[in-house]
Each structure stands twice: as structure tokens, then as C-alpha cells.
Amino acid sequence: MNPKSVAALMADIELEDPLDLAGLAIDEAGARSLMAAHFCEIDERLSAQGLDSDARLEIMAAIAAHTMVENLALHYARLKHDTDPGEFRAWMRRYGMH
């Protein structure tokens, strides 16, 4: 794992799920590079602590899942505030929330 390969994988993911960095002082490539380097640093630190690849993968999955929950909460709050109530309810139903 290295920052360049992680950033490239992130770019592939973003083809299906683009980022919205409007209003931020960082572009998509910069954000990918920053986060890829951060994840690789975490992996290196966990490896240095003696964790095997399965344990590191589990920790990385937990970090990713936590981040996705945080993203969901932010997206939910933004939609609730900025969206027509009917559209908001439709969005909630589409994702299994009532």
C-alpha cells in the first residue's frame, strides 16, 4: 500500500460517487492525496506496533465505516435543511429510513 496507489483507487471510486468539495480550499486531487497519505501512515504505524495484515485491515474498515456514518449524518443534516420536505422523505425511504 502506498499513497499513490490508494489515491488512484479513490479516483476510481469517485467516478461512481463524485466528491462535492465546493467551497473548500482544496481540490479533489489534493484531498485524495492528503487522505491517502494519512491512511498509509496509519497502516505503517499499526504495522510498526506488530499488527498483522488482517488486524490492520479490520482497523482500516472500522475507520472507513466510522467516516461513512459521519458522512451520512452530515449529508442527512444538509438534506433536511436544504431540501423540499417531500424530496427529503423520498430520499429517506430510498435508503431504508423512515
C-alpha atoms as a PDB file:
ATOM      1  CA  MET A   1       0.000   0.000   0.000  1.00  0.00           C
ATOM      2  CA  ASN A   2       1.303   3.428  -0.896  1.00  0.00           C
ATOM      3  CA  PRO A   3      -0.321   6.870  -1.131  1.00  0.00           C
ATOM      4  CA  LYS A   4      -0.192   6.939  -4.940  1.00  0.00           C
ATOM      5  CA  SER A   5      -1.999   3.591  -5.357  1.00  0.00           C
ATOM      6  CA  VAL A   6      -4.579   4.461  -2.690  1.00  0.00           C
ATOM      7  CA  ALA A   7      -5.250   7.847  -4.339  1.00  0.00           C
ATOM      8  CA  ALA A   8      -5.670   6.110  -7.716  1.00  0.00           C
ATOM      9  CA  LEU A   9      -8.205   3.680  -6.208  1.00  0.00           C
ATOM     10  CA  MET A  10     -10.028   6.601  -4.610  1.00  0.00           C
ATOM     11  CA  ALA A  11     -10.230   8.323  -8.014  1.00  0.00           C
ATOM     12  CA  ASP A  12     -11.790   5.151  -9.447  1.00  0.00           C
ATOM     13  CA  ILE A  13     -14.380   5.112  -6.647  1.00  0.00           C
ATOM     14  CA  GLU A  14     -15.145   8.774  -7.240  1.00  0.00           C
ATOM     15  CA  LEU A  15     -16.133   8.021 -10.833  1.00  0.00           C
ATOM     16  CA  GLU A  16     -19.225   6.313  -9.372  1.00  0.00           C
ATOM     17  CA  ASP A  17     -19.575   8.540  -6.299  1.00  0.00           C
ATOM     18  CA  PRO A  18     -18.139  12.006  -7.003  1.00  0.00           C
ATOM     19  CA  LEU A  19     -16.995  14.255  -4.205  1.00  0.00           C
ATOM     20  CA  ASP A  20     -18.551  17.650  -3.585  1.00  0.00           C
ATOM     21  CA  LEU A  21     -15.747  19.891  -2.411  1.00  0.00           C
ATOM     22  CA  ALA A  22     -17.492  23.111  -3.389  1.00  0.00           C
ATOM     23  CA  GLY A  23     -16.460  25.958  -1.147  1.00  0.00           C
ATOM     24  CA  LEU A  24     -13.384  24.191   0.221  1.00  0.00           C
ATOM     25  CA  ALA A  25      -9.852  25.438  -0.230  1.00  0.00           C
ATOM     26  CA  ILE A  26      -8.642  22.059  -1.523  1.00  0.00           C
ATOM     27  CA  ASP A  27      -9.253  20.344  -4.845  1.00  0.00           C
ATOM     28  CA  GLU A  28     -10.165  16.697  -5.377  1.00  0.00           C
ATOM     29  CA  ALA A  29      -6.617  15.589  -6.190  1.00  0.00           C
ATOM     30  CA  GLY A  30      -5.270  17.379  -3.122  1.00  0.00           C
ATOM     31  CA  ALA A  31      -7.921  15.869  -0.866  1.00  0.00           C
ATOM     32  CA  ARG A  32      -7.258  12.371  -2.253  1.00  0.00           C
ATOM     33  CA  SER A  33      -3.512  12.786  -1.809  1.00  0.00           C
ATOM     34  CA  LEU A  34      -3.893  14.040   1.763  1.00  0.00           C
ATOM     35  CA  MET A  35      -6.223  11.232   2.856  1.00  0.00           C
ATOM     36  CA  ALA A  36      -4.267   8.522   1.005  1.00  0.00           C
ATOM     37  CA  ALA A  37      -1.069   9.626   2.749  1.00  0.00           C
ATOM     38  CA  HIS A  38      -2.915   9.683   6.081  1.00  0.00           C
ATOM     39  CA  PHE A  39      -4.269   6.131   5.654  1.00  0.00           C
ATOM     40  CA  CYS A  40      -0.854   4.838   4.609  1.00  0.00           C
ATOM     41  CA  GLU A  41       0.695   6.496   7.671  1.00  0.00           C
ATOM     42  CA  ILE A  42      -1.896   4.808   9.911  1.00  0.00           C
ATOM     43  CA  ASP A  43      -1.133   1.468   8.260  1.00  0.00           C
ATOM     44  CA  GLU A  44       2.616   1.961   8.789  1.00  0.00           C
ATOM     45  CA  ARG A  45       2.106   2.859  12.455  1.00  0.00           C
ATOM     46  CA  LEU A  46      -0.127  -0.175  13.034  1.00  0.00           C
ATOM     47  CA  SER A  47       2.409  -2.413  11.302  1.00  0.00           C
ATOM     48  CA  ALA A  48       5.195  -0.976  13.448  1.00  0.00           C
ATOM     49  CA  GLN A  49       3.118  -1.915  16.501  1.00  0.00           C
ATOM     50  CA  GLY A  50       3.176  -5.519  15.314  1.00  0.00           C
ATOM     51  CA  LEU A  51      -0.357  -5.861  13.938  1.00  0.00           C
ATOM     52  CA  ASP A  52      -0.713  -8.347  11.097  1.00  0.00           C
ATOM     53  CA  SER A  53      -2.461  -7.502   7.837  1.00  0.00           C
ATOM     54  CA  ASP A  54      -5.843  -8.901   8.969  1.00  0.00           C
ATOM     55  CA  ALA A  55      -5.833  -6.787  12.133  1.00  0.00           C
ATOM     56  CA  ARG A  56      -4.769  -3.691  10.181  1.00  0.00           C
ATOM     57  CA  LEU A  57      -7.490  -4.322   7.594  1.00  0.00           C
ATOM     58  CA  GLU A  58     -10.101  -4.609  10.329  1.00  0.00           C
ATOM     59  CA  ILE A  59      -8.983  -1.315  11.880  1.00  0.00           C
ATOM     60  CA  MET A  60      -8.993   0.382   8.469  1.00  0.00           C
ATOM     61  CA  ALA A  61     -12.507  -0.973   7.808  1.00  0.00           C
ATOM     62  CA  ALA A  62     -13.645   0.423  11.172  1.00  0.00           C
ATOM     63  CA  ILE A  63     -12.135   3.824  10.323  1.00  0.00           C
ATOM     64  CA  ALA A  64     -13.834   3.791   6.906  1.00  0.00           C
ATOM     65  CA  ALA A  65     -17.178   2.726   8.404  1.00  0.00           C
ATOM     66  CA  HIS A  66     -16.962   5.420  11.091  1.00  0.00           C
ATOM     67  CA  THR A  67     -16.231   8.009   8.410  1.00  0.00           C
ATOM     68  CA  MET A  68     -19.193   6.795   6.350  1.00  0.00           C
ATOM     69  CA  VAL A  69     -21.523   7.146   9.362  1.00  0.00           C
ATOM     70  CA  GLU A  70     -20.195  10.653   9.938  1.00  0.00           C
ATOM     71  CA  ASN A  71     -20.729  11.442   6.241  1.00  0.00           C
ATOM     72  CA  LEU A  72     -24.272  10.065   6.438  1.00  0.00           C
ATOM     73  CA  ALA A  73     -25.035  12.294   9.420  1.00  0.00           C
ATOM     74  CA  LEU A  74     -23.654  15.378   7.653  1.00  0.00           C
ATOM     75  CA  HIS A  75     -25.499  14.538   4.425  1.00  0.00           C
ATOM     76  CA  TYR A  76     -28.724  13.876   6.341  1.00  0.00           C
ATOM     77  CA  ALA A  77     -28.482  17.219   8.160  1.00  0.00           C
ATOM     78  CA  ARG A  78     -27.755  19.096   4.918  1.00  0.00           C
ATOM     79  CA  LEU A  79     -30.628  17.446   3.066  1.00  0.00           C
ATOM     80  CA  LYS A  80     -33.033  18.024   5.937  1.00  0.00           C
ATOM     81  CA  HIS A  81     -32.140  21.706   5.979  1.00  0.00           C
ATOM     82  CA  ASP A  82     -31.813  22.394   2.234  1.00  0.00           C
ATOM     83  CA  THR A  83     -34.329  20.067   0.570  1.00  0.00           C
ATOM     84  CA  ASP A  84     -38.066  20.171  -0.015  1.00  0.00           C
ATOM     85  CA  PRO A  85     -39.726  18.034   2.703  1.00  0.00           C
ATOM     86  CA  GLY A  86     -41.263  15.658   0.118  1.00  0.00           C
ATOM     87  CA  GLU A  87     -37.914  15.113  -1.595  1.00  0.00           C
ATOM     88  CA  PHE A  88     -36.277  14.595   1.772  1.00  0.00           C
ATOM     89  CA  ARG A  89     -38.801  11.926   2.763  1.00  0.00           C
ATOM     90  CA  ALA A  90     -38.310  10.218  -0.623  1.00  0.00           C
ATOM     91  CA  TRP A  91     -34.539  10.211  -0.059  1.00  0.00           C
ATOM     92  CA  MET A  92     -35.028   8.660   3.384  1.00  0.00           C
ATOM     93  CA  ARG A  93     -37.319   5.936   2.004  1.00  0.00           C
ATOM     94  CA  ARG A  94     -34.854   5.160  -0.806  1.00  0.00           C
ATOM     95  CA  TYR A  95     -32.220   4.374   1.827  1.00  0.00           C
ATOM     96  CA  GLY A  96     -34.475   2.462   4.185  1.00  0.00           C
ATOM     97  CA  MET A  97     -35.031   5.260   6.696  1.00  0.00           C
ATOM     98  CA  HIS A  98     -38.491   6.372   7.717  1.00  0.00           C
END
